[in-house]
Amino acid sequence: MDIATCYKKQDKVSQYLDHAKKAIDAYCLAKRISSAANLAKDCAELLEENYNYEEAIALYERASELQ
């Protein structure tokens, strides 16, 4: 997640999303479901801001499933 945060601060959206998705999977494996859901929602919001609605919907759905 730290790597993803660094990319987000540098406005490197695609790299941020790649690492954030890996972090979501890691949170799920560690049974930190609420952290995974919150991160999925944050990623979806970022995608929506960048007009990538299809991926945003997929991550909103994943966040919803996790909650």
Protein backbone atom coordinates (compact mmCIF):
# COMPACT_ATOMS: atom_id res chain seq x y z
CA MET A 1 0.00 0.00 0.00
CA ASP A 2 2.92 2.33 0.67
CA ILE A 3 4.10 1.99 -2.92
CA ALA A 4 0.59 2.73 -4.18
CA THR A 5 0.42 5.84 -2.02
CA CYS A 6 3.70 7.12 -3.47
CA TYR A 7 2.36 6.70 -7.00
CA LYS A 8 -0.87 8.48 -6.07
CA LYS A 9 1.07 11.48 -4.74
CA GLN A 10 2.94 11.65 -8.07
CA ASP A 11 -0.32 11.52 -10.07
CA LYS A 12 0.65 8.21 -11.68
CA VAL A 13 -2.85 6.79 -11.70
CA SER A 14 -2.27 3.52 -13.54
CA GLN A 15 0.66 2.51 -11.33
CA TYR A 16 -1.31 3.50 -8.23
CA LEU A 17 -4.26 1.36 -9.31
CA ASP A 18 -2.05 -1.65 -10.08
CA HIS A 19 -0.52 -1.61 -6.61
CA ALA A 20 -3.78 -0.72 -4.88
CA LYS A 21 -5.49 -3.74 -6.46
CA LYS A 22 -2.70 -5.94 -5.14
CA ALA A 23 -3.18 -4.35 -1.72
CA ILE A 24 -6.92 -5.07 -1.88
CA ASP A 25 -6.16 -8.75 -2.49
CA ALA A 26 -3.61 -8.77 0.34
CA TYR A 27 -6.11 -7.16 2.72
CA CYS A 28 -8.65 -9.84 1.83
CA LEU A 29 -6.13 -12.61 2.51
CA ALA A 30 -5.30 -11.00 5.86
CA LYS A 31 -9.03 -10.84 6.74
CA ARG A 32 -8.93 -7.03 6.73
CA ILE A 33 -12.11 -6.84 4.72
CA SER A 34 -13.13 -3.31 5.72
CA SER A 35 -9.71 -2.00 4.65
CA ALA A 36 -10.06 -3.80 1.33
CA ALA A 37 -13.55 -2.37 0.79
CA ASN A 38 -12.45 1.17 1.62
CA LEU A 39 -9.48 0.94 -0.73
CA ALA A 40 -11.65 -0.47 -3.52
CA LYS A 41 -14.05 2.45 -3.06
CA ASP A 42 -11.18 4.97 -3.15
CA CYS A 43 -9.85 3.42 -6.35
CA ALA A 44 -13.30 3.49 -7.91
CA GLU A 45 -13.68 7.17 -7.07
CA LEU A 46 -10.30 7.92 -8.65
CA LEU A 47 -11.27 6.02 -11.78
CA GLU A 48 -14.54 7.91 -11.94
CA GLU A 49 -12.69 11.22 -11.71
CA ASN A 50 -10.59 10.09 -14.68
CA TYR A 51 -13.70 9.14 -16.70
CA ASN A 52 -12.93 5.41 -16.61
CA TYR A 53 -16.46 4.40 -15.73
CA GLU A 54 -16.32 0.71 -16.60
CA GLU A 55 -13.44 -0.03 -14.23
CA ALA A 56 -14.96 2.29 -11.63
CA ILE A 57 -18.19 0.30 -11.68
CA ALA A 58 -16.28 -2.96 -11.27
CA LEU A 59 -14.44 -1.63 -8.22
CA TYR A 60 -17.61 -0.15 -6.72
CA GLU A 61 -19.18 -3.60 -7.09
CA ARG A 62 -16.18 -5.23 -5.43
CA ALA A 63 -16.32 -2.74 -2.55
CA SER A 64 -20.03 -3.47 -2.17
CA GLU A 65 -19.42 -7.24 -2.09
CA LEU A 66 -16.76 -6.83 0.58
CA GLN A 67 -18.91 -4.78 2.92
